[in-house]
Amino acid sequence: MVNDLKAVYFVRDFAGDPKYRERKQFLDGEKPPQGRKVEVVFKDGERLVGTTLGYDPHRSGFFIFPVDPQGNNLRIFAVLTSVGKVSFF
């Protein structure tokens, strides 16, 4: 079931680059490509920063587009039952 998942990650490459450190904040003056700026903290403490087009607390989850365009994650479907906090800025 979906509620048994934390999130579904859509990635560029399954191997990734373990040395790469993903950016977790917007740069000064950076305009997000789409949606509202959001910070998501999962119940396990993982933190994601990016944008979302469809957050609705009454749905099972929502997509996040990470702030770092060079990172391995292209987008992430966050399952709401695994999310501890959602903040918009």
PDB file of N, CA and C in Angstrom:
ATOM      1  N   MET A   1       0.824  -1.196   0.000  1.00  0.00           N
ATOM      2  CA  MET A   1       0.000   0.000   0.000  1.00  0.00           C
ATOM      3  C   MET A   1       0.865   1.256   0.000  1.00  0.00           C
ATOM      4  N   VAL A   2       0.303   2.305  -0.502  1.00  0.00           N
ATOM      5  CA  VAL A   2       1.025   3.579  -0.559  1.00  0.00           C
ATOM      6  C   VAL A   2       1.401   4.051   0.842  1.00  0.00           C
ATOM      7  N   ASN A   3       0.516   3.897   1.796  1.00  0.00           N
ATOM      8  CA  ASN A   3       0.786   4.377   3.153  1.00  0.00           C
ATOM      9  C   ASN A   3       1.952   3.657   3.826  1.00  0.00           C
ATOM     10  N   ASP A   4       2.397   2.532   3.278  1.00  0.00           N
ATOM     11  CA  ASP A   4       3.555   1.819   3.817  1.00  0.00           C
ATOM     12  C   ASP A   4       4.872   2.412   3.318  1.00  0.00           C
ATOM     13  N   LEU A   5       4.797   3.327   2.362  1.00  0.00           N
ATOM     14  CA  LEU A   5       5.984   3.963   1.789  1.00  0.00           C
ATOM     15  C   LEU A   5       6.272   5.288   2.481  1.00  0.00           C
ATOM     16  N   LYS A   6       7.510   5.698   2.412  1.00  0.00           N
ATOM     17  CA  LYS A   6       7.903   7.031   2.862  1.00  0.00           C
ATOM     18  C   LYS A   6       7.757   8.001   1.693  1.00  0.00           C
ATOM     19  N   ALA A   7       8.339   7.610   0.555  1.00  0.00           N
ATOM     20  CA  ALA A   7       8.332   8.444  -0.640  1.00  0.00           C
ATOM     21  C   ALA A   7       8.754   7.594  -1.832  1.00  0.00           C
ATOM     22  N   VAL A   8       8.483   8.112  -3.011  1.00  0.00           N
ATOM     23  CA  VAL A   8       8.954   7.499  -4.241  1.00  0.00           C
ATOM     24  C   VAL A   8       9.871   8.528  -4.900  1.00  0.00           C
ATOM     25  N   TYR A   9      11.119   8.110  -5.149  1.00  0.00           N
ATOM     26  CA  TYR A   9      12.125   9.003  -5.712  1.00  0.00           C
ATOM     27  C   TYR A   9      12.308   8.699  -7.196  1.00  0.00           C
ATOM     28  N   PHE A  10      12.166   9.722  -8.029  1.00  0.00           N
ATOM     29  CA  PHE A  10      12.412   9.612  -9.462  1.00  0.00           C
ATOM     30  C   PHE A  10      13.812  10.187  -9.679  1.00  0.00           C
ATOM     31  N   VAL A  11      14.750   9.338 -10.118  1.00  0.00           N
ATOM     32  CA  VAL A  11      16.164   9.720 -10.147  1.00  0.00           C
ATOM     33  C   VAL A  11      16.736   9.720 -11.566  1.00  0.00           C
ATOM     34  N   ARG A  12      17.853  10.421 -11.729  1.00  0.00           N
ATOM     35  CA  ARG A  12      18.584  10.430 -12.999  1.00  0.00           C
ATOM     36  C   ARG A  12      19.284   9.103 -13.221  1.00  0.00           C
ATOM     37  N   ASP A  13      19.897   8.614 -12.156  1.00  0.00           N
ATOM     38  CA  ASP A  13      20.776   7.460 -12.252  1.00  0.00           C
ATOM     39  C   ASP A  13      20.644   6.650 -10.960  1.00  0.00           C
ATOM     40  N   PHE A  14      20.441   5.356 -11.073  1.00  0.00           N
ATOM     41  CA  PHE A  14      20.268   4.531  -9.879  1.00  0.00           C
ATOM     42  C   PHE A  14      21.534   4.460  -9.026  1.00  0.00           C
ATOM     43  N   ALA A  15      22.691   4.621  -9.628  1.00  0.00           N
ATOM     44  CA  ALA A  15      23.947   4.594  -8.864  1.00  0.00           C
ATOM     45  C   ALA A  15      24.179   5.915  -8.136  1.00  0.00           C
ATOM     46  N   GLY A  16      23.809   7.029  -8.749  1.00  0.00           N
ATOM     47  CA  GLY A  16      24.045   8.327  -8.140  1.00  0.00           C
ATOM     48  C   GLY A  16      25.527   8.617  -7.993  1.00  0.00           C
ATOM     49  N   ASP A  17      25.854   9.649  -7.234  1.00  0.00           N
ATOM     50  CA  ASP A  17      27.235  10.023  -6.943  1.00  0.00           C
ATOM     51  C   ASP A  17      27.335  10.243  -5.443  1.00  0.00           C
ATOM     52  N   PRO A  18      27.852   9.267  -4.698  1.00  0.00           N
ATOM     53  CA  PRO A  18      27.902   9.383  -3.239  1.00  0.00           C
ATOM     54  C   PRO A  18      28.727  10.565  -2.736  1.00  0.00           C
ATOM     55  N   LYS A  19      29.604  11.125  -3.569  1.00  0.00           N
ATOM     56  CA  LYS A  19      30.430  12.269  -3.163  1.00  0.00           C
ATOM     57  C   LYS A  19      29.692  13.603  -3.319  1.00  0.00           C
ATOM     58  N   TYR A  20      28.638  13.618  -4.130  1.00  0.00           N
ATOM     59  CA  TYR A  20      27.918  14.866  -4.395  1.00  0.00           C
ATOM     60  C   TYR A  20      27.073  15.250  -3.184  1.00  0.00           C
ATOM     61  N   ARG A  21      27.147  16.508  -2.771  1.00  0.00           N
ATOM     62  CA  ARG A  21      26.349  17.021  -1.657  1.00  0.00           C
ATOM     63  C   ARG A  21      25.245  17.902  -2.224  1.00  0.00           C
ATOM     64  N   GLU A  22      24.030  17.423  -2.111  1.00  0.00           N
ATOM     65  CA  GLU A  22      22.879  18.124  -2.664  1.00  0.00           C
ATOM     66  C   GLU A  22      22.635  19.442  -1.920  1.00  0.00           C
ATOM     67  N   ARG A  23      22.374  20.472  -2.686  1.00  0.00           N
ATOM     68  CA  ARG A  23      22.051  21.786  -2.121  1.00  0.00           C
ATOM     69  C   ARG A  23      20.677  21.717  -1.466  1.00  0.00           C
ATOM     70  N   LYS A  24      20.543  22.290  -0.262  1.00  0.00           N
ATOM     71  CA  LYS A  24      19.293  22.224   0.495  1.00  0.00           C
ATOM     72  C   LYS A  24      18.668  23.592   0.723  1.00  0.00           C
ATOM     73  N   GLN A  25      19.073  24.575  -0.083  1.00  0.00           N
ATOM     74  CA  GLN A  25      18.472  25.898   0.054  1.00  0.00           C
ATOM     75  C   GLN A  25      18.471  26.613  -1.291  1.00  0.00           C
ATOM     76  N   PHE A  26      17.565  27.556  -1.413  1.00  0.00           N
ATOM     77  CA  PHE A  26      17.518  28.370  -2.621  1.00  0.00           C
ATOM     78  C   PHE A  26      18.636  29.402  -2.553  1.00  0.00           C
ATOM     79  N   LEU A  27      19.223  29.719  -3.691  1.00  0.00           N
ATOM     80  CA  LEU A  27      20.243  30.761  -3.761  1.00  0.00           C
ATOM     81  C   LEU A  27      19.555  32.118  -3.715  1.00  0.00           C
ATOM     82  N   ASP A  28      20.249  33.141  -3.208  1.00  0.00           N
ATOM     83  CA  ASP A  28      19.686  34.493  -3.160  1.00  0.00           C
ATOM     84  C   ASP A  28      19.238  34.914  -4.551  1.00  0.00           C
ATOM     85  N   GLY A  29      18.007  35.357  -4.663  1.00  0.00           N
ATOM     86  CA  GLY A  29      17.463  35.826  -5.927  1.00  0.00           C
ATOM     87  C   GLY A  29      17.039  34.736  -6.890  1.00  0.00           C
ATOM     88  N   GLU A  30      17.243  33.474  -6.495  1.00  0.00           N
ATOM     89  CA  GLU A  30      16.873  32.369  -7.378  1.00  0.00           C
ATOM     90  C   GLU A  30      15.349  32.260  -7.478  1.00  0.00           C
ATOM     91  N   LYS A  31      14.875  32.209  -8.698  1.00  0.00           N
ATOM     92  CA  LYS A  31      13.438  32.067  -8.918  1.00  0.00           C
ATOM     93  C   LYS A  31      13.137  30.591  -9.157  1.00  0.00           C
ATOM     94  N   PRO A  32      12.223  30.024  -8.362  1.00  0.00           N
ATOM     95  CA  PRO A  32      11.901  28.610  -8.576  1.00  0.00           C
ATOM     96  C   PRO A  32      11.257  28.399  -9.939  1.00  0.00           C
ATOM     97  N   PRO A  33      11.558  27.278 -10.578  1.00  0.00           N
ATOM     98  CA  PRO A  33      11.037  27.029 -11.918  1.00  0.00           C
ATOM     99  C   PRO A  33       9.526  26.832 -11.951  1.00  0.00           C
ATOM    100  N   GLN A  34       8.960  26.329 -10.867  1.00  0.00           N
ATOM    101  CA  GLN A  34       7.511  26.064 -10.836  1.00  0.00           C
ATOM    102  C   GLN A  34       7.050  25.878  -9.404  1.00  0.00           C
ATOM    103  N   GLY A  35       5.835  26.291  -9.112  1.00  0.00           N
ATOM    104  CA  GLY A  35       5.235  26.012  -7.826  1.00  0.00           C
ATOM    105  C   GLY A  35       5.680  26.897  -6.678  1.00  0.00           C
ATOM    106  N   ARG A  36       5.266  26.467  -5.478  1.00  0.00           N
ATOM    107  CA  ARG A  36       5.575  27.190  -4.247  1.00  0.00           C
ATOM    108  C   ARG A  36       6.810  26.595  -3.588  1.00  0.00           C
ATOM    109  N   LYS A  37       7.629  27.455  -3.003  1.00  0.00           N
ATOM    110  CA  LYS A  37       8.801  26.991  -2.263  1.00  0.00           C
ATOM    111  C   LYS A  37       8.331  26.258  -1.010  1.00  0.00           C
ATOM    112  N   VAL A  38       8.944  25.112  -0.755  1.00  0.00           N
ATOM    113  CA  VAL A  38       8.495  24.283   0.368  1.00  0.00           C
ATOM    114  C   VAL A  38       9.684  23.591   1.027  1.00  0.00           C
ATOM    115  N   GLU A  39       9.555  23.384   2.330  1.00  0.00           N
ATOM    116  CA  GLU A  39      10.476  22.532   3.072  1.00  0.00           C
ATOM    117  C   GLU A  39       9.640  21.411   3.672  1.00  0.00           C
ATOM    118  N   VAL A  40      10.082  20.180   3.462  1.00  0.00           N
ATOM    119  CA  VAL A  40       9.381  19.010   3.978  1.00  0.00           C
ATOM    120  C   VAL A  40      10.335  18.278   4.920  1.00  0.00           C
ATOM    121  N   VAL A  41       9.862  18.004   6.126  1.00  0.00           N
ATOM    122  CA  VAL A  41      10.644  17.219   7.071  1.00  0.00           C
ATOM    123  C   VAL A  41       9.869  15.928   7.321  1.00  0.00           C
ATOM    124  N   PHE A  42      10.495  14.814   6.988  1.00  0.00           N
ATOM    125  CA  PHE A  42       9.866  13.518   7.210  1.00  0.00           C
ATOM    126  C   PHE A  42       9.966  13.138   8.685  1.00  0.00           C
ATOM    127  N   LYS A  43       9.139  12.219   9.098  1.00  0.00           N
ATOM    128  CA  LYS A  43       9.136  11.776  10.487  1.00  0.00           C
ATOM    129  C   LYS A  43      10.466  11.162  10.909  1.00  0.00           C
ATOM    130  N   ASP A  44      11.243  10.661   9.946  1.00  0.00           N
ATOM    131  CA  ASP A  44      12.552  10.082  10.274  1.00  0.00           C
ATOM    132  C   ASP A  44      13.662  11.142  10.304  1.00  0.00           C
ATOM    133  N   GLY A  45      13.309  12.422  10.081  1.00  0.00           N
ATOM    134  CA  GLY A  45      14.266  13.516  10.158  1.00  0.00           C
ATOM    135  C   GLY A  45      14.825  13.985   8.828  1.00  0.00           C
ATOM    136  N   GLU A  46      14.620  13.224   7.745  1.00  0.00           N
ATOM    137  CA  GLU A  46      15.119  13.666   6.440  1.00  0.00           C
ATOM    138  C   GLU A  46      14.419  14.959   6.048  1.00  0.00           C
ATOM    139  N   ARG A  47      15.194  15.880   5.477  1.00  0.00           N
ATOM    140  CA  ARG A  47      14.688  17.195   5.094  1.00  0.00           C
ATOM    141  C   ARG A  47      14.848  17.386   3.594  1.00  0.00           C
ATOM    142  N   LEU A  48      13.782  17.822   2.927  1.00  0.00           N
ATOM    143  CA  LEU A  48      13.809  18.139   1.505  1.00  0.00           C
ATOM    144  C   LEU A  48      13.399  19.593   1.316  1.00  0.00           C
ATOM    145  N   VAL A  49      14.058  20.272   0.397  1.00  0.00           N
ATOM    146  CA  VAL A  49      13.706  21.646   0.054  1.00  0.00           C
ATOM    147  C   VAL A  49      13.505  21.695  -1.444  1.00  0.00           C
ATOM    148  N   GLY A  50      12.449  22.374  -1.864  1.00  0.00           N
ATOM    149  CA  GLY A  50      12.172  22.480  -3.290  1.00  0.00           C
ATOM    150  C   GLY A  50      10.889  23.229  -3.538  1.00  0.00           C
ATOM    151  N   THR A  51      10.167  22.789  -4.561  1.00  0.00           N
ATOM    152  CA  THR A  51       8.884  23.404  -4.887  1.00  0.00           C
ATOM    153  C   THR A  51       7.824  22.316  -5.047  1.00  0.00           C
ATOM    154  N   THR A  52       6.577  22.736  -4.904  1.00  0.00           N
ATOM    155  CA  THR A  52       5.464  21.819  -5.121  1.00  0.00           C
ATOM    156  C   THR A  52       4.344  22.552  -5.841  1.00  0.00           C
ATOM    157  N   LEU A  53       3.625  21.813  -6.640  1.00  0.00           N
ATOM    158  CA  LEU A  53       2.465  22.358  -7.355  1.00  0.00           C
ATOM    159  C   LEU A  53       1.152  21.887  -6.749  1.00  0.00           C
ATOM    160  N   GLY A  54       1.204  20.810  -5.954  1.00  0.00           N
ATOM    161  CA  GLY A  54      -0.055  20.207  -5.552  1.00  0.00           C
ATOM    162  C   GLY A  54      -0.161  19.717  -4.130  1.00  0.00           C
ATOM    163  N   TYR A  55       0.372  20.450  -3.163  1.00  0.00           N
ATOM    164  CA  TYR A  55       0.221  20.008  -1.779  1.00  0.00           C
ATOM    165  C   TYR A  55      -1.231  20.178  -1.342  1.00  0.00           C
ATOM    166  N   ASP A  56      -1.799  19.117  -0.827  1.00  0.00           N
ATOM    167  CA  ASP A  56      -3.152  19.142  -0.267  1.00  0.00           C
ATOM    168  C   ASP A  56      -3.138  18.156   0.898  1.00  0.00           C
ATOM    169  N   PRO A  57      -3.328  18.635   2.128  1.00  0.00           N
ATOM    170  CA  PRO A  57      -3.246  17.751   3.293  1.00  0.00           C
ATOM    171  C   PRO A  57      -4.323  16.665   3.319  1.00  0.00           C
ATOM    172  N   HIS A  58      -5.273  16.725   2.410  1.00  0.00           N
ATOM    173  CA  HIS A  58      -6.350  15.725   2.371  1.00  0.00           C
ATOM    174  C   HIS A  58      -6.086  14.623   1.351  1.00  0.00           C
ATOM    175  N   ARG A  59      -4.968  14.693   0.645  1.00  0.00           N
ATOM    176  CA  ARG A  59      -4.592  13.659  -0.325  1.00  0.00           C
ATOM    177  C   ARG A  59      -3.546  12.734   0.287  1.00  0.00           C
ATOM    178  N   SER A  60      -3.245  11.650  -0.409  1.00  0.00           N
ATOM    179  CA  SER A  60      -2.289  10.669   0.122  1.00  0.00           C
ATOM    180  C   SER A  60      -0.837  11.121  -0.002  1.00  0.00           C
ATOM    181  N   GLY A  61      -0.562  12.118  -0.829  1.00  0.00           N
ATOM    182  CA  GLY A  61       0.802  12.603  -0.990  1.00  0.00           C
ATOM    183  C   GLY A  61       0.877  13.723  -1.999  1.00  0.00           C
ATOM    184  N   PHE A  62       2.113  14.153  -2.286  1.00  0.00           N
ATOM    185  CA  PHE A  62       2.317  15.264  -3.211  1.00  0.00           C
ATOM    186  C   PHE A  62       3.725  15.189  -3.778  1.00  0.00           C
ATOM    187  N   PHE A  63       3.936  15.845  -4.911  1.00  0.00           N
ATOM    188  CA  PHE A  63       5.239  15.871  -5.563  1.00  0.00           C
ATOM    189  C   PHE A  63       6.056  17.061  -5.095  1.00  0.00           C
ATOM    190  N   ILE A  64       7.354  16.824  -4.953  1.00  0.00           N
ATOM    191  CA  ILE A  64       8.333  17.866  -4.634  1.00  0.00           C
ATOM    192  C   ILE A  64       9.370  17.859  -5.750  1.00  0.00           C
ATOM    193  N   PHE A  65       9.699  19.029  -6.249  1.00  0.00           N
ATOM    194  CA  PHE A  65      10.780  19.196  -7.215  1.00  0.00           C
ATOM    195  C   PHE A  65      11.953  19.787  -6.437  1.00  0.00           C
ATOM    196  N   PRO A  66      13.036  19.038  -6.235  1.00  0.00           N
ATOM    197  CA  PRO A  66      14.146  19.490  -5.400  1.00  0.00           C
ATOM    198  C   PRO A  66      14.779  20.795  -5.878  1.00  0.00           C
ATOM    199  N   VAL A  67      15.294  21.562  -4.931  1.00  0.00           N
ATOM    200  CA  VAL A  67      15.897  22.857  -5.209  1.00  0.00           C
ATOM    201  C   VAL A  67      17.178  22.723  -6.043  1.00  0.00           C
ATOM    202  N   ASP A  68      17.894  21.621  -5.908  1.00  0.00           N
ATOM    203  CA  ASP A  68      19.169  21.453  -6.600  1.00  0.00           C
ATOM    204  C   ASP A  68      18.964  20.793  -7.966  1.00  0.00           C
ATOM    205  N   PRO A  69      19.072  21.569  -9.053  1.00  0.00           N
ATOM    206  CA  PRO A  69      18.852  20.998 -10.385  1.00  0.00           C
ATOM    207  C   PRO A  69      19.955  20.030 -10.816  1.00  0.00           C
ATOM    208  N   GLN A  70      21.088  20.033 -10.120  1.00  0.00           N
ATOM    209  CA  GLN A  70      22.190  19.136 -10.452  1.00  0.00           C
ATOM    210  C   GLN A  70      22.164  17.846  -9.632  1.00  0.00           C
ATOM    211  N   GLY A  71      21.249  17.758  -8.673  1.00  0.00           N
ATOM    212  CA  GLY A  71      21.156  16.565  -7.834  1.00  0.00           C
ATOM    213  C   GLY A  71      20.609  15.372  -8.588  1.00  0.00           C
ATOM    214  N   ASN A  72      20.680  14.221  -7.981  1.00  0.00           N
ATOM    215  CA  ASN A  72      20.223  12.990  -8.626  1.00  0.00           C
ATOM    216  C   ASN A  72      18.698  12.850  -8.617  1.00  0.00           C
ATOM    217  N   ASN A  73      18.038  13.474  -7.656  1.00  0.00           N
ATOM    218  CA  ASN A  73      16.580  13.391  -7.582  1.00  0.00           C
ATOM    219  C   ASN A  73      15.939  14.389  -8.540  1.00  0.00           C
ATOM    220  N   LEU A  74      15.109  13.880  -9.439  1.00  0.00           N
ATOM    221  CA  LEU A  74      14.397  14.752 -10.375  1.00  0.00           C
ATOM    222  C   LEU A  74      13.110  15.272  -9.759  1.00  0.00           C
ATOM    223  N   ARG A  75      12.408  14.386  -9.076  1.00  0.00           N
ATOM    224  CA  ARG A  75      11.202  14.740  -8.324  1.00  0.00           C
ATOM    225  C   ARG A  75      10.942  13.628  -7.334  1.00  0.00           C
ATOM    226  N   ILE A  76      10.152  13.955  -6.333  1.00  0.00           N
ATOM    227  CA  ILE A  76       9.880  13.015  -5.251  1.00  0.00           C
ATOM    228  C   ILE A  76       8.392  13.073  -4.928  1.00  0.00           C
ATOM    229  N   PHE A  77       7.779  11.907  -4.834  1.00  0.00           N
ATOM    230  CA  PHE A  77       6.393  11.840  -4.366  1.00  0.00           C
ATOM    231  C   PHE A  77       6.461  11.518  -2.878  1.00  0.00           C
ATOM    232  N   ALA A  78       6.112  12.476  -2.035  1.00  0.00           N
ATOM    233  CA  ALA A  78       6.143  12.299  -0.587  1.00  0.00           C
ATOM    234  C   ALA A  78       4.792  11.761  -0.118  1.00  0.00           C
ATOM    235  N   VAL A  79       4.810  10.655   0.604  1.00  0.00           N
ATOM    236  CA  VAL A  79       3.591  10.060   1.154  1.00  0.00           C
ATOM    237  C   VAL A  79       3.268  10.782   2.457  1.00  0.00           C
ATOM    238  N   LEU A  80       2.084  11.346   2.529  1.00  0.00           N
ATOM    239  CA  LEU A  80       1.718  12.230   3.633  1.00  0.00           C
ATOM    240  C   LEU A  80       1.818  11.576   5.009  1.00  0.00           C
ATOM    241  N   THR A  81       1.566  10.280   5.112  1.00  0.00           N
ATOM    242  CA  THR A  81       1.646   9.625   6.424  1.00  0.00           C
ATOM    243  C   THR A  81       3.081   9.575   6.952  1.00  0.00           C
ATOM    244  N   SER A  82       4.074   9.797   6.089  1.00  0.00           N
ATOM    245  CA  SER A  82       5.482   9.788   6.495  1.00  0.00           C
ATOM    246  C   SER A  82       6.037  11.186   6.733  1.00  0.00           C
ATOM    247  N   VAL A  83       5.235  12.201   6.433  1.00  0.00           N
ATOM    248  CA  VAL A  83       5.678  13.588   6.552  1.00  0.00           C
ATOM    249  C   VAL A  83       5.367  14.106   7.951  1.00  0.00           C
ATOM    250  N   GLY A  84       6.394  14.701   8.575  1.00  0.00           N
ATOM    251  CA  GLY A  84       6.199  15.295   9.909  1.00  0.00           C
ATOM    252  C   GLY A  84       5.780  16.739   9.836  1.00  0.00           C
ATOM    253  N   LYS A  85       6.364  17.492   8.880  1.00  0.00           N
ATOM    254  CA  LYS A  85       6.100  18.939   8.807  1.00  0.00           C
ATOM    255  C   LYS A  85       6.270  19.432   7.380  1.00  0.00           C
ATOM    256  N   VAL A  86       5.378  20.335   6.972  1.00  0.00           N
ATOM    257  CA  VAL A  86       5.464  21.004   5.667  1.00  0.00           C
ATOM    258  C   VAL A  86       5.441  22.506   5.940  1.00  0.00           C
ATOM    259  N   SER A  87       6.459  23.210   5.429  1.00  0.00           N
ATOM    260  CA  SER A  87       6.535  24.672   5.621  1.00  0.00           C
ATOM    261  C   SER A  87       6.706  25.345   4.265  1.00  0.00           C
ATOM    262  N   PHE A  88       5.954  26.397   4.057  1.00  0.00           N
ATOM    263  CA  PHE A  88       6.073  27.192   2.829  1.00  0.00           C
ATOM    264  C   PHE A  88       6.820  28.490   3.148  1.00  0.00           C
ATOM    265  N   PHE A  89       7.620  28.964   2.190  1.00  0.00           N
ATOM    266  CA  PHE A  89       8.334  30.227   2.390  1.00  0.00           C
ATOM    267  C   PHE A  89       8.483  30.959   1.085  1.00  0.00           C
TER     268      PHE A  89
END
